[in-house]
Amino acid sequence: MRHLFLWLLLFCAPALADPPAGYDFVDHDTGLARARAESKPVLLYFGRYGCAWCEHTNRKTFGDPEIRRIYTEHYVLVYVDAEGGRRLRLPSGERITEAELGARLGAYATPLFVFLTPEGRQVAKIPGFKTVEDFKAYDRYVRGRHYERQGLMEFLEGRP
């Protein structure tokens, strides 16, 4: 009987997605409040348990010391389990689950990265594995406030 209980505990307990190690990722509501208080942009990372590309991104991209420095100093980091049921509050005041937020933002595949202004306005949505150089370019786009003048693709292509 004891073995059955352990088996059920191991295999039936809900699995949680993990943000990259060594970063101060917080939950959605805490992150949006912190962003407003500190006037910092938000990096919203949608991941999920068992996502091989999320793990690859965590190791290859977020494992880079310069990316860690840039993003921990200049952003509020929010991690959302794209399949999670935890409830959160949108800037409008509406309450929805993590999975519902993911569906609204098109997080049908993970990882998905969404950059927000300190007020919670979306400025860029980037799906899939991205490199260290990609994340450096996104940082220049967001912190330079280039989204006020052009879209992300225009910026990345070097068009004014």
Protein backbone atom coordinates (compact mmCIF):
# COMPACT_ATOMS: atom_id res chain seq x y z
CA MET A 1 0.00 0.00 0.00
CA ARG A 2 2.83 2.39 0.84
CA HIS A 3 4.38 1.84 -2.60
CA LEU A 4 1.07 2.61 -4.27
CA PHE A 5 0.84 5.90 -2.37
CA LEU A 6 4.39 6.88 -3.38
CA TRP A 7 3.69 5.97 -7.00
CA LEU A 8 0.54 8.09 -7.01
CA LEU A 9 2.38 10.97 -5.39
CA LEU A 10 5.18 10.86 -7.96
CA PHE A 11 3.16 10.38 -11.10
CA CYS A 12 -0.15 12.05 -10.35
CA ALA A 13 1.03 15.19 -8.60
CA PRO A 14 0.80 18.25 -10.81
CA ALA A 15 4.09 19.03 -12.51
CA LEU A 16 5.27 22.61 -12.49
CA ALA A 17 7.18 24.38 -15.19
CA ASP A 18 10.43 25.97 -14.08
CA PRO A 19 11.91 29.36 -14.97
CA PRO A 20 15.64 29.55 -15.68
CA ALA A 21 17.88 29.05 -12.65
CA GLY A 22 19.71 32.06 -11.25
CA TYR A 23 17.04 34.61 -12.17
CA ASP A 24 14.54 36.39 -9.96
CA PHE A 25 11.40 35.48 -11.87
CA VAL A 26 8.22 36.35 -9.99
CA ASP A 27 4.54 35.62 -10.51
CA HIS A 28 2.42 37.73 -12.84
CA ASP A 29 0.65 39.95 -10.30
CA THR A 30 3.80 40.65 -8.28
CA GLY A 31 5.73 41.41 -11.45
CA LEU A 32 3.26 43.90 -12.89
CA ALA A 33 3.05 45.75 -9.56
CA ARG A 34 6.86 45.81 -9.31
CA ALA A 35 7.21 47.06 -12.90
CA ARG A 36 4.91 50.01 -12.21
CA ALA A 37 6.66 50.81 -8.91
CA GLU A 38 10.17 50.60 -10.41
CA SER A 39 9.29 51.96 -13.91
CA LYS A 40 10.90 48.94 -15.55
CA PRO A 41 9.74 47.00 -18.59
CA VAL A 42 8.55 43.43 -18.12
CA LEU A 43 9.82 40.25 -19.73
CA LEU A 44 6.94 37.80 -19.51
CA TYR A 45 8.18 34.24 -20.14
CA PHE A 46 5.59 31.57 -20.95
CA GLY A 47 6.97 28.09 -20.38
CA ARG A 48 5.55 24.71 -19.49
CA TYR A 49 6.62 21.48 -17.88
CA GLY A 50 8.33 19.13 -20.30
CA CYS A 51 9.05 21.80 -22.92
CA ALA A 52 12.37 20.81 -24.49
CA TRP A 53 12.77 24.22 -26.17
CA CYS A 54 12.17 25.96 -22.84
CA GLU A 55 14.94 23.89 -21.26
CA HIS A 56 17.22 24.59 -24.23
CA THR A 57 16.51 28.32 -23.91
CA ASN A 58 17.12 28.20 -20.17
CA ARG A 59 20.51 26.52 -20.65
CA LYS A 60 21.82 28.19 -23.81
CA THR A 61 20.40 31.70 -23.71
CA PHE A 62 19.57 32.42 -20.09
CA GLY A 63 22.77 30.63 -19.07
CA ASP A 64 24.79 33.48 -20.61
CA PRO A 65 26.25 35.82 -17.92
CA GLU A 66 25.71 38.98 -19.97
CA ILE A 67 22.05 38.13 -20.62
CA ARG A 68 21.63 37.43 -16.90
CA ARG A 69 23.14 40.84 -16.05
CA ILE A 70 21.10 42.79 -18.62
CA TYR A 71 17.77 41.20 -17.82
CA THR A 72 18.10 41.11 -14.03
CA GLU A 73 19.20 44.77 -13.88
CA HIS A 74 16.81 46.31 -16.38
CA TYR A 75 13.63 44.20 -16.40
CA VAL A 76 11.04 42.80 -14.10
CA LEU A 77 11.03 39.10 -14.90
CA VAL A 78 7.70 37.28 -14.84
CA TYR A 79 7.30 33.56 -15.41
CA VAL A 80 3.93 32.07 -16.34
CA ASP A 81 3.16 28.36 -16.68
CA ALA A 82 1.34 28.29 -20.02
CA GLU A 83 -0.75 25.37 -18.78
CA GLY A 84 -1.14 26.64 -15.21
CA GLY A 85 -4.34 27.20 -13.33
CA ARG A 86 -3.09 29.88 -10.96
CA ARG A 87 -5.32 32.94 -11.11
CA LEU A 88 -3.88 36.33 -11.95
CA ARG A 89 -5.12 39.87 -12.44
CA LEU A 90 -4.75 41.79 -15.71
CA PRO A 91 -3.98 45.54 -15.68
CA SER A 92 -7.70 46.05 -16.48
CA GLY A 93 -8.59 44.32 -13.21
CA GLU A 94 -9.96 41.18 -14.88
CA ARG A 95 -9.11 37.87 -13.17
CA ILE A 96 -8.11 34.93 -15.38
CA THR A 97 -5.89 31.84 -15.15
CA GLU A 98 -2.35 31.54 -16.45
CA ALA A 99 -3.57 29.22 -19.20
CA GLU A 100 -6.26 31.71 -20.23
CA LEU A 101 -3.65 34.48 -20.45
CA GLY A 102 -1.48 32.20 -22.55
CA ALA A 103 -4.37 31.50 -24.91
CA ARG A 104 -5.16 35.21 -25.26
CA LEU A 105 -1.55 35.95 -26.14
CA GLY A 106 -1.25 32.99 -28.49
CA ALA A 107 1.02 30.90 -26.26
CA TYR A 108 0.04 27.70 -28.03
CA ALA A 109 3.68 26.67 -28.23
CA THR A 110 6.40 27.41 -25.74
CA PRO A 111 8.59 29.18 -25.03
CA LEU A 112 6.90 32.50 -25.72
CA PHE A 113 8.39 35.84 -24.64
CA VAL A 114 6.23 38.94 -24.28
CA PHE A 115 7.72 42.34 -23.53
CA LEU A 116 5.49 44.82 -21.72
CA THR A 117 5.82 48.46 -20.74
CA PRO A 118 5.85 49.20 -16.99
CA GLU A 119 2.11 49.91 -17.38
CA GLY A 120 1.48 46.46 -18.85
CA ARG A 121 1.11 47.36 -22.55
CA GLN A 122 2.45 44.71 -24.92
CA VAL A 123 5.30 45.94 -27.15
CA ALA A 124 6.68 42.67 -28.57
CA LYS A 125 5.75 38.99 -28.68
CA ILE A 126 8.45 36.51 -29.65
CA PRO A 127 7.83 32.76 -29.96
CA GLY A 128 10.34 29.92 -29.82
CA PHE A 129 13.97 29.43 -28.94
CA LYS A 130 16.04 32.59 -29.28
CA THR A 131 19.78 33.10 -29.03
CA VAL A 132 21.87 35.35 -26.82
CA GLU A 133 22.25 37.79 -29.74
CA ASP A 134 18.48 37.80 -30.27
CA PHE A 135 17.91 38.74 -26.63
CA LYS A 136 20.50 41.51 -26.85
CA ALA A 137 18.61 42.95 -29.84
CA TYR A 138 15.28 42.71 -28.01
CA ASP A 139 16.84 44.58 -25.10
CA ARG A 140 17.99 47.39 -27.41
CA TYR A 141 14.51 47.55 -28.93
CA VAL A 142 12.64 47.66 -25.62
CA ARG A 143 14.94 49.80 -23.48
CA GLY A 144 15.54 52.17 -26.39
CA ARG A 145 11.76 52.52 -26.68
CA HIS A 146 12.00 51.89 -30.43
CA TYR A 147 8.50 50.37 -30.25
CA GLU A 148 7.20 53.95 -30.10
CA ARG A 149 8.42 54.51 -33.68
CA GLN A 150 8.55 51.10 -35.36
CA GLY A 151 7.68 47.47 -35.08
CA LEU A 152 10.13 44.86 -33.88
CA MET A 153 10.70 43.36 -37.34
CA GLU A 154 11.49 46.79 -38.83
CA PHE A 155 13.95 47.40 -36.01
CA LEU A 156 15.64 44.03 -36.45
CA GLU A 157 15.93 44.58 -40.19
CA GLY A 158 17.59 47.94 -39.54
CA ARG A 159 14.87 50.06 -41.10
CA PRO A 160 14.12 53.49 -39.59
